[in-house]
Amino acid sequence: MERKPRVIFFEDDPHIRQMMELLAKSNGYEIFTYENPTLCPIQQSQVCQCRENEACADFVITDIDMPHVSGLDFIEEQIKKGCKVKNFAILSGMWTDESIKRAKNIDATIFHKPSFLYK
């Protein structure tokens, strides 16, 4: 039996986390959600947690601005550790030129959060 596509999702807003979890599960994904990357086992390790021939997830999606570590910093750390994940995405409602440049340098997909979330 083939495994479901796996998503690791970081978001400090509990409503967005819950919405993403429901959306992913209803579309056949296995999803692991965390309030911030420091709570995830792959962040806590000093080495890549991917199996020798398999990535730990198919997608890593993260908010850019979270407590303890930014989404960009988290992804850059994982890449330095040798993470085998090929699909990274970053969410933000307040992109700067520098953060867009950093996201592009790590080949992450950029998503803009709707502005109504910040009112």
C-alpha atoms as a PDB file:
ATOM      1  CA  MET A   1       0.000   0.000   0.000  1.00  0.00           C
ATOM      2  CA  GLU A   2       1.362   3.372  -1.005  1.00  0.00           C
ATOM      3  CA  ARG A   3       1.628   5.964   1.742  1.00  0.00           C
ATOM      4  CA  LYS A   4      -0.328   9.203   1.655  1.00  0.00           C
ATOM      5  CA  PRO A   5       1.566  12.358   0.703  1.00  0.00           C
ATOM      6  CA  ARG A   6       2.966  13.846   3.913  1.00  0.00           C
ATOM      7  CA  VAL A   7       2.843  17.531   4.898  1.00  0.00           C
ATOM      8  CA  ILE A   8       4.580  19.248   7.805  1.00  0.00           C
ATOM      9  CA  PHE A   9       2.859  22.560   8.549  1.00  0.00           C
ATOM     10  CA  PHE A  10       4.005  25.338  10.894  1.00  0.00           C
ATOM     11  CA  GLU A  11       1.631  28.146  11.858  1.00  0.00           C
ATOM     12  CA  ASP A  12       1.235  29.982  15.135  1.00  0.00           C
ATOM     13  CA  ASP A  13      -2.409  30.908  14.490  1.00  0.00           C
ATOM     14  CA  PRO A  14      -4.523  27.964  15.770  1.00  0.00           C
ATOM     15  CA  HIS A  15      -7.424  28.722  13.397  1.00  0.00           C
ATOM     16  CA  ILE A  16      -5.225  28.630  10.299  1.00  0.00           C
ATOM     17  CA  ARG A  17      -3.525  25.470  11.591  1.00  0.00           C
ATOM     18  CA  GLN A  18      -6.881  23.763  12.081  1.00  0.00           C
ATOM     19  CA  MET A  19      -8.179  24.892   8.680  1.00  0.00           C
ATOM     20  CA  MET A  20      -5.053  23.569   6.943  1.00  0.00           C
ATOM     21  CA  GLU A  21      -5.284  20.277   8.797  1.00  0.00           C
ATOM     22  CA  LEU A  22      -8.915  19.776   7.730  1.00  0.00           C
ATOM     23  CA  LEU A  23      -8.142  20.776   4.142  1.00  0.00           C
ATOM     24  CA  ALA A  24      -5.134  18.473   3.866  1.00  0.00           C
ATOM     25  CA  LYS A  25      -6.854  15.460   5.439  1.00  0.00           C
ATOM     26  CA  SER A  26      -9.951  15.883   3.282  1.00  0.00           C
ATOM     27  CA  ASN A  27      -7.687  15.775   0.225  1.00  0.00           C
ATOM     28  CA  GLY A  28      -5.913  12.576   1.251  1.00  0.00           C
ATOM     29  CA  TYR A  29      -2.761  14.005   2.853  1.00  0.00           C
ATOM     30  CA  GLU A  30      -1.147  12.944   6.089  1.00  0.00           C
ATOM     31  CA  ILE A  31      -0.406  16.178   7.967  1.00  0.00           C
ATOM     32  CA  PHE A  32       1.597  17.087  11.037  1.00  0.00           C
ATOM     33  CA  THR A  33       0.946  20.574  12.402  1.00  0.00           C
ATOM     34  CA  TYR A  34       3.031  22.569  14.847  1.00  0.00           C
ATOM     35  CA  GLU A  35       2.649  25.952  16.494  1.00  0.00           C
ATOM     36  CA  ASN A  36       6.291  26.654  15.705  1.00  0.00           C
ATOM     37  CA  PRO A  37       9.286  24.712  14.360  1.00  0.00           C
ATOM     38  CA  THR A  38      10.937  24.289  17.767  1.00  0.00           C
ATOM     39  CA  LEU A  39       8.165  21.806  18.683  1.00  0.00           C
ATOM     40  CA  CYS A  40       8.886  19.560  15.690  1.00  0.00           C
ATOM     41  CA  PRO A  41      11.276  16.593  16.022  1.00  0.00           C
ATOM     42  CA  ILE A  42      13.065  17.486  12.770  1.00  0.00           C
ATOM     43  CA  GLN A  43      14.024  20.881  14.215  1.00  0.00           C
ATOM     44  CA  GLN A  44      15.246  19.435  17.490  1.00  0.00           C
ATOM     45  CA  SER A  45      17.820  17.177  15.848  1.00  0.00           C
ATOM     46  CA  GLN A  46      21.262  18.372  14.779  1.00  0.00           C
ATOM     47  CA  VAL A  47      21.189  16.071  11.733  1.00  0.00           C
ATOM     48  CA  CYS A  48      18.736  15.402   8.938  1.00  0.00           C
ATOM     49  CA  GLN A  49      15.830  13.188  10.037  1.00  0.00           C
ATOM     50  CA  CYS A  50      15.035  11.964   6.528  1.00  0.00           C
ATOM     51  CA  ARG A  51      15.508   8.270   5.870  1.00  0.00           C
ATOM     52  CA  GLU A  52      18.398   7.335   3.619  1.00  0.00           C
ATOM     53  CA  ASN A  53      16.215   6.967   0.521  1.00  0.00           C
ATOM     54  CA  GLU A  54      13.100   8.932   1.528  1.00  0.00           C
ATOM     55  CA  ALA A  55      12.302  12.477   2.613  1.00  0.00           C
ATOM     56  CA  CYS A  56      10.607  12.983   5.981  1.00  0.00           C
ATOM     57  CA  ALA A  57       7.786  14.790   4.161  1.00  0.00           C
ATOM     58  CA  ASP A  58       6.618  15.608   0.661  1.00  0.00           C
ATOM     59  CA  PHE A  59       5.870  19.226   1.586  1.00  0.00           C
ATOM     60  CA  VAL A  60       6.961  21.592   4.343  1.00  0.00           C
ATOM     61  CA  ILE A  61       4.762  24.665   4.636  1.00  0.00           C
ATOM     62  CA  THR A  62       5.581  27.346   7.158  1.00  0.00           C
ATOM     63  CA  ASP A  63       4.507  30.773   8.265  1.00  0.00           C
ATOM     64  CA  ILE A  64       7.377  33.225   7.956  1.00  0.00           C
ATOM     65  CA  ASP A  65       6.919  34.994  11.288  1.00  0.00           C
ATOM     66  CA  MET A  66       6.629  32.689  14.304  1.00  0.00           C
ATOM     67  CA  PRO A  67       7.835  32.591  17.891  1.00  0.00           C
ATOM     68  CA  HIS A  68      11.394  31.301  18.448  1.00  0.00           C
ATOM     69  CA  VAL A  69      12.456  30.872  14.790  1.00  0.00           C
ATOM     70  CA  SER A  70      11.299  32.295  11.459  1.00  0.00           C
ATOM     71  CA  GLY A  71      10.032  29.996   8.750  1.00  0.00           C
ATOM     72  CA  LEU A  72      12.878  31.100   6.491  1.00  0.00           C
ATOM     73  CA  ASP A  73      15.495  30.345   9.151  1.00  0.00           C
ATOM     74  CA  PHE A  74      13.910  26.950   9.790  1.00  0.00           C
ATOM     75  CA  ILE A  75      14.013  25.936   6.109  1.00  0.00           C
ATOM     76  CA  GLU A  76      17.571  27.203   5.671  1.00  0.00           C
ATOM     77  CA  GLU A  77      18.646  25.133   8.707  1.00  0.00           C
ATOM     78  CA  GLN A  78      16.956  22.003   7.345  1.00  0.00           C
ATOM     79  CA  ILE A  79      18.661  22.411   3.970  1.00  0.00           C
ATOM     80  CA  LYS A  80      22.057  22.792   5.706  1.00  0.00           C
ATOM     81  CA  LYS A  81      21.356  19.558   7.619  1.00  0.00           C
ATOM     82  CA  GLY A  82      20.808  17.758   4.303  1.00  0.00           C
ATOM     83  CA  CYS A  83      17.010  17.532   4.410  1.00  0.00           C
ATOM     84  CA  LYS A  84      15.655  15.631   1.399  1.00  0.00           C
ATOM     85  CA  VAL A  85      12.317  17.490   1.221  1.00  0.00           C
ATOM     86  CA  LYS A  86      11.950  18.984  -2.260  1.00  0.00           C
ATOM     87  CA  ASN A  87       8.868  21.163  -1.751  1.00  0.00           C
ATOM     88  CA  PHE A  88       9.034  24.090   0.635  1.00  0.00           C
ATOM     89  CA  ALA A  89       6.429  26.858   0.856  1.00  0.00           C
ATOM     90  CA  ILE A  90       6.328  29.976   3.009  1.00  0.00           C
ATOM     91  CA  LEU A  91       3.242  31.972   4.006  1.00  0.00           C
ATOM     92  CA  SER A  92       3.250  35.647   4.923  1.00  0.00           C
ATOM     93  CA  GLY A  93       1.023  38.666   4.803  1.00  0.00           C
ATOM     94  CA  MET A  94       3.954  41.027   5.125  1.00  0.00           C
ATOM     95  CA  TRP A  95       6.643  40.083   2.622  1.00  0.00           C
ATOM     96  CA  THR A  96       9.715  42.298   2.349  1.00  0.00           C
ATOM     97  CA  ASP A  97      12.091  42.452  -0.594  1.00  0.00           C
ATOM     98  CA  GLU A  98      14.742  40.707   1.501  1.00  0.00           C
ATOM     99  CA  SER A  99      12.445  37.878   2.640  1.00  0.00           C
ATOM    100  CA  ILE A 100      11.276  37.296  -0.942  1.00  0.00           C
ATOM    101  CA  LYS A 101      14.905  37.134  -2.077  1.00  0.00           C
ATOM    102  CA  ARG A 102      15.765  34.633   0.678  1.00  0.00           C
ATOM    103  CA  ALA A 103      12.738  32.479  -0.194  1.00  0.00           C
ATOM    104  CA  LYS A 104      13.726  32.451  -3.859  1.00  0.00           C
ATOM    105  CA  ASN A 105      17.321  31.517  -2.942  1.00  0.00           C
ATOM    106  CA  ILE A 106      16.075  28.340  -1.255  1.00  0.00           C
ATOM    107  CA  ASP A 107      13.584  27.662  -4.054  1.00  0.00           C
ATOM    108  CA  ALA A 108      10.570  27.988  -1.739  1.00  0.00           C
ATOM    109  CA  THR A 109       7.119  28.768  -3.072  1.00  0.00           C
ATOM    110  CA  ILE A 110       5.739  32.049  -1.753  1.00  0.00           C
ATOM    111  CA  PHE A 111       2.136  32.460  -0.615  1.00  0.00           C
ATOM    112  CA  HIS A 112       0.536  35.728   0.454  1.00  0.00           C
ATOM    113  CA  LYS A 113      -1.852  35.538   3.385  1.00  0.00           C
ATOM    114  CA  PRO A 114      -5.055  37.558   2.931  1.00  0.00           C
ATOM    115  CA  SER A 115      -4.864  41.009   4.497  1.00  0.00           C
ATOM    116  CA  PHE A 116      -8.088  40.454   6.507  1.00  0.00           C
ATOM    117  CA  LEU A 117      -6.086  38.146   8.779  1.00  0.00           C
ATOM    118  CA  TYR A 118      -4.151  41.159  10.052  1.00  0.00           C
ATOM    119  CA  LYS A 119      -7.019  43.454  11.000  1.00  0.00           C
END
